[in-house]
Amino acid sequence: MVAKINYERCVGCEECVVACARDHCIHLEESTNIIVVNESTCNNCGACVKRCPFRCIDLVGDIGPLARKPSMVATAVKS
């Protein structure tokens, strides 16, 4: 399994980058201005999923998207 970004919802806030404890696993690609996950270093911890205020990250793998557990659902930021 690996973290996958829904780019239609992602605003590039980088909260997922802050949440990830692994160096260079998830980062903002400056040339394209999009969040990128390095699949070879992602350890599926779910920290980015928990932290994303826009709920645009899921852990996916061979069995398809995982159902989010209530403890892993982030609430959207209200403006």
C-alpha atoms as a PDB file:
ATOM      1  CA  MET A   1       0.000   0.000   0.000  1.00  0.00           C
ATOM      2  CA  VAL A   2       1.052   3.571  -0.548  1.00  0.00           C
ATOM      3  CA  ALA A   3      -0.339   7.078  -0.051  1.00  0.00           C
ATOM      4  CA  LYS A   4      -2.088   8.406  -3.153  1.00  0.00           C
ATOM      5  CA  ILE A   5      -3.079  12.033  -3.691  1.00  0.00           C
ATOM      6  CA  ASN A   6      -6.406  13.110  -5.179  1.00  0.00           C
ATOM      7  CA  TYR A   7      -5.101  16.057  -7.192  1.00  0.00           C
ATOM      8  CA  GLU A   8      -8.583  17.410  -7.869  1.00  0.00           C
ATOM      9  CA  ARG A   9      -8.945  18.132  -4.134  1.00  0.00           C
ATOM     10  CA  CYS A  10      -5.332  18.905  -3.176  1.00  0.00           C
ATOM     11  CA  VAL A  11      -4.525  22.602  -2.688  1.00  0.00           C
ATOM     12  CA  GLY A  12      -0.819  22.111  -1.953  1.00  0.00           C
ATOM     13  CA  CYS A  13      -1.021  23.223   1.681  1.00  0.00           C
ATOM     14  CA  GLU A  14       1.865  20.855   2.571  1.00  0.00           C
ATOM     15  CA  GLU A  15       0.258  19.649   5.823  1.00  0.00           C
ATOM     16  CA  CYS A  16       1.000  16.106   4.656  1.00  0.00           C
ATOM     17  CA  VAL A  17       4.663  16.994   4.187  1.00  0.00           C
ATOM     18  CA  VAL A  18       4.832  18.286   7.751  1.00  0.00           C
ATOM     19  CA  ALA A  19       3.127  15.136   9.065  1.00  0.00           C
ATOM     20  CA  CYS A  20       5.444  12.681   7.320  1.00  0.00           C
ATOM     21  CA  ALA A  21       8.340  11.570   9.494  1.00  0.00           C
ATOM     22  CA  ARG A  22      10.305  10.114   6.579  1.00  0.00           C
ATOM     23  CA  ASP A  23      12.710  12.364   4.663  1.00  0.00           C
ATOM     24  CA  HIS A  24      11.779  12.947   1.026  1.00  0.00           C
ATOM     25  CA  CYS A  25       8.821  10.572   1.164  1.00  0.00           C
ATOM     26  CA  ILE A  26       6.196  13.209   0.428  1.00  0.00           C
ATOM     27  CA  HIS A  27       7.087  16.660  -0.820  1.00  0.00           C
ATOM     28  CA  LEU A  28       5.976  19.592  -2.899  1.00  0.00           C
ATOM     29  CA  GLU A  29       7.515  19.323  -6.354  1.00  0.00           C
ATOM     30  CA  GLU A  30       8.504  22.923  -7.018  1.00  0.00           C
ATOM     31  CA  SER A  31       8.656  22.632 -10.799  1.00  0.00           C
ATOM     32  CA  THR A  32       5.037  21.443 -11.040  1.00  0.00           C
ATOM     33  CA  ASN A  33       3.703  22.802  -7.730  1.00  0.00           C
ATOM     34  CA  ILE A  34       2.079  19.464  -6.829  1.00  0.00           C
ATOM     35  CA  ILE A  35       2.516  17.094  -3.889  1.00  0.00           C
ATOM     36  CA  VAL A  36       4.436  13.936  -4.804  1.00  0.00           C
ATOM     37  CA  VAL A  37       4.695  10.664  -2.860  1.00  0.00           C
ATOM     38  CA  ASN A  38       7.851   8.574  -3.221  1.00  0.00           C
ATOM     39  CA  GLU A  39       6.330   5.091  -3.297  1.00  0.00           C
ATOM     40  CA  SER A  40       9.633   3.393  -2.531  1.00  0.00           C
ATOM     41  CA  THR A  41      10.023   5.194   0.820  1.00  0.00           C
ATOM     42  CA  CYS A  42       6.370   5.413   1.938  1.00  0.00           C
ATOM     43  CA  ASN A  43       5.841   3.050   4.884  1.00  0.00           C
ATOM     44  CA  ASN A  44       2.024   3.348   4.912  1.00  0.00           C
ATOM     45  CA  CYS A  45       1.891   4.891   8.376  1.00  0.00           C
ATOM     46  CA  GLY A  46      -1.137   7.046   7.495  1.00  0.00           C
ATOM     47  CA  ALA A  47       0.212  10.230   9.119  1.00  0.00           C
ATOM     48  CA  CYS A  48      -0.436  12.215   5.939  1.00  0.00           C
ATOM     49  CA  VAL A  49      -3.981  10.819   5.688  1.00  0.00           C
ATOM     50  CA  LYS A  50      -4.731  11.905   9.252  1.00  0.00           C
ATOM     51  CA  ARG A  51      -3.236  15.363   8.774  1.00  0.00           C
ATOM     52  CA  CYS A  52      -4.779  16.342   5.427  1.00  0.00           C
ATOM     53  CA  PRO A  53      -7.484  18.954   6.108  1.00  0.00           C
ATOM     54  CA  PHE A  54      -9.019  18.387   2.659  1.00  0.00           C
ATOM     55  CA  ARG A  55      -9.216  14.566   2.849  1.00  0.00           C
ATOM     56  CA  CYS A  56      -7.413  14.127  -0.440  1.00  0.00           C
ATOM     57  CA  ILE A  57      -4.987  11.357   0.557  1.00  0.00           C
ATOM     58  CA  ASP A  58      -5.800   7.656   0.777  1.00  0.00           C
ATOM     59  CA  LEU A  59      -3.689   4.584   1.384  1.00  0.00           C
ATOM     60  CA  VAL A  60      -4.190   2.283  -1.581  1.00  0.00           C
ATOM     61  CA  GLY A  61      -2.746  -1.011  -2.685  1.00  0.00           C
ATOM     62  CA  ASP A  62      -3.575  -4.199  -4.474  1.00  0.00           C
ATOM     63  CA  ILE A  63      -7.033  -4.360  -2.899  1.00  0.00           C
ATOM     64  CA  GLY A  64      -8.003  -0.814  -3.888  1.00  0.00           C
ATOM     65  CA  PRO A  65      -8.707   2.187  -1.670  1.00  0.00           C
ATOM     66  CA  LEU A  66      -8.982   1.386   2.009  1.00  0.00           C
ATOM     67  CA  ALA A  67     -12.025   2.480   3.922  1.00  0.00           C
ATOM     68  CA  ARG A  68     -11.117   5.329   6.209  1.00  0.00           C
ATOM     69  CA  LYS A  69     -11.421   4.560   9.874  1.00  0.00           C
ATOM     70  CA  PRO A  70     -13.147   7.316  11.884  1.00  0.00           C
ATOM     71  CA  SER A  71      -9.883   8.030  13.715  1.00  0.00           C
ATOM     72  CA  MET A  72      -8.155   8.668  10.381  1.00  0.00           C
ATOM     73  CA  VAL A  73     -10.650  11.171   8.982  1.00  0.00           C
ATOM     74  CA  ALA A  74      -9.543  14.784   9.053  1.00  0.00           C
ATOM     75  CA  THR A  75     -12.154  17.489   9.163  1.00  0.00           C
ATOM     76  CA  ALA A  76     -12.104  20.119   6.452  1.00  0.00           C
ATOM     77  CA  VAL A  77     -10.875  23.582   7.311  1.00  0.00           C
ATOM     78  CA  LYS A  78     -13.750  26.017   7.632  1.00  0.00           C
ATOM     79  CA  SER A  79     -13.212  29.499   6.264  1.00  0.00           C
END
